[in-house]
Amino acid sequence: METKHKYPNLEAEIVRKGLTKKKYGELIGIEYPNKVSSRLTGKTKFTLPEIKKSLDLFDCEFSYLFKEA
């Protein structure tokens, strides 16, 4: 069964940038890889610092990057 991601644009930017989910997590300050997946699926909310780092990393607007599926 395929996992539905809540933020498909964020997922696309991770791939476009050539990052693994683990490396993305490291870059925005998430310590454990499974926490990245829980955020992408919407099980856990992103913190404000994680959101800011993601916006800076991908140079995207919030409304695009965190648009829900």
C-alpha atoms as a PDB file:
ATOM      1  CA  MET A   1       0.000   0.000   0.000  1.00  0.00           C
ATOM      2  CA  GLU A   2       1.388   3.382  -1.018  1.00  0.00           C
ATOM      3  CA  THR A   3       1.770   6.060   1.639  1.00  0.00           C
ATOM      4  CA  LYS A   4      -0.044   9.290   0.805  1.00  0.00           C
ATOM      5  CA  HIS A   5       2.066  12.349   1.407  1.00  0.00           C
ATOM      6  CA  LYS A   6       0.407  15.476   2.669  1.00  0.00           C
ATOM      7  CA  TYR A   7       2.876  17.856   1.013  1.00  0.00           C
ATOM      8  CA  PRO A   8       3.554  16.643  -2.566  1.00  0.00           C
ATOM      9  CA  ASN A   9       5.359  19.865  -3.582  1.00  0.00           C
ATOM     10  CA  LEU A  10       7.776  19.509  -0.690  1.00  0.00           C
ATOM     11  CA  GLU A  11       8.389  15.895  -1.658  1.00  0.00           C
ATOM     12  CA  ALA A  12       9.018  16.981  -5.277  1.00  0.00           C
ATOM     13  CA  GLU A  13      11.507  19.652  -4.179  1.00  0.00           C
ATOM     14  CA  ILE A  14      13.409  17.112  -2.080  1.00  0.00           C
ATOM     15  CA  VAL A  15      13.754  14.917  -5.172  1.00  0.00           C
ATOM     16  CA  ARG A  16      14.575  17.861  -7.478  1.00  0.00           C
ATOM     17  CA  LYS A  17      17.381  18.913  -5.164  1.00  0.00           C
ATOM     18  CA  GLY A  18      18.759  15.340  -5.196  1.00  0.00           C
ATOM     19  CA  LEU A  19      18.306  14.846  -1.465  1.00  0.00           C
ATOM     20  CA  THR A  20      17.376  11.744   0.433  1.00  0.00           C
ATOM     21  CA  LYS A  21      14.715  12.159   3.095  1.00  0.00           C
ATOM     22  CA  LYS A  22      17.406  11.442   5.683  1.00  0.00           C
ATOM     23  CA  LYS A  23      19.656  14.220   4.332  1.00  0.00           C
ATOM     24  CA  TYR A  24      16.704  16.633   4.112  1.00  0.00           C
ATOM     25  CA  GLY A  25      15.923  15.879   7.747  1.00  0.00           C
ATOM     26  CA  GLU A  26      19.518  16.540   8.752  1.00  0.00           C
ATOM     27  CA  LEU A  27      19.541  19.863   6.886  1.00  0.00           C
ATOM     28  CA  ILE A  28      16.431  21.156   8.642  1.00  0.00           C
ATOM     29  CA  GLY A  29      17.288  19.742  12.061  1.00  0.00           C
ATOM     30  CA  ILE A  30      15.209  16.563  12.300  1.00  0.00           C
ATOM     31  CA  GLU A  31      17.296  13.978  14.121  1.00  0.00           C
ATOM     32  CA  TYR A  32      15.563  10.748  13.188  1.00  0.00           C
ATOM     33  CA  PRO A  33      14.645   9.631   9.649  1.00  0.00           C
ATOM     34  CA  ASN A  34      11.252   8.217  10.675  1.00  0.00           C
ATOM     35  CA  LYS A  35      10.263  11.679  11.909  1.00  0.00           C
ATOM     36  CA  VAL A  36      10.738  13.029   8.377  1.00  0.00           C
ATOM     37  CA  SER A  37       8.234  10.500   7.040  1.00  0.00           C
ATOM     38  CA  SER A  38       5.750  11.268   9.811  1.00  0.00           C
ATOM     39  CA  ARG A  39       5.899  14.954   8.861  1.00  0.00           C
ATOM     40  CA  LEU A  40       5.528  14.296   5.126  1.00  0.00           C
ATOM     41  CA  THR A  41       2.453  12.142   5.762  1.00  0.00           C
ATOM     42  CA  GLY A  42       0.973  14.691   8.166  1.00  0.00           C
ATOM     43  CA  LYS A  43       1.092  12.435  11.222  1.00  0.00           C
ATOM     44  CA  THR A  44       3.346  14.975  12.933  1.00  0.00           C
ATOM     45  CA  LYS A  45       3.355  18.718  12.302  1.00  0.00           C
ATOM     46  CA  PHE A  46       6.435  20.581  11.148  1.00  0.00           C
ATOM     47  CA  THR A  47       7.827  23.021  13.700  1.00  0.00           C
ATOM     48  CA  LEU A  48       8.231  26.683  12.769  1.00  0.00           C
ATOM     49  CA  PRO A  49      12.059  26.403  12.632  1.00  0.00           C
ATOM     50  CA  GLU A  50      11.747  23.347  10.326  1.00  0.00           C
ATOM     51  CA  ILE A  51       9.374  25.270   8.065  1.00  0.00           C
ATOM     52  CA  LYS A  52      11.712  28.281   7.900  1.00  0.00           C
ATOM     53  CA  LYS A  53      14.721  26.073   7.101  1.00  0.00           C
ATOM     54  CA  SER A  54      12.736  24.267   4.390  1.00  0.00           C
ATOM     55  CA  LEU A  55      11.676  27.544   2.791  1.00  0.00           C
ATOM     56  CA  ASP A  56      15.285  28.756   2.800  1.00  0.00           C
ATOM     57  CA  LEU A  57      16.649  25.444   1.531  1.00  0.00           C
ATOM     58  CA  PHE A  58      14.308  25.261  -1.446  1.00  0.00           C
ATOM     59  CA  ASP A  59      13.867  29.010  -1.970  1.00  0.00           C
ATOM     60  CA  CYS A  60      10.091  28.572  -2.279  1.00  0.00           C
ATOM     61  CA  GLU A  61       7.010  30.307  -0.946  1.00  0.00           C
ATOM     62  CA  PHE A  62       5.149  28.694   1.941  1.00  0.00           C
ATOM     63  CA  SER A  63       1.897  28.512  -0.061  1.00  0.00           C
ATOM     64  CA  TYR A  64       3.650  26.381  -2.703  1.00  0.00           C
ATOM     65  CA  LEU A  65       5.932  24.216  -0.590  1.00  0.00           C
ATOM     66  CA  PHE A  66       3.395  23.316   2.085  1.00  0.00           C
ATOM     67  CA  LYS A  67       0.310  23.117  -0.127  1.00  0.00           C
ATOM     68  CA  GLU A  68      -1.669  20.115   1.057  1.00  0.00           C
ATOM     69  CA  ALA A  69      -2.632  17.305  -1.296  1.00  0.00           C
END
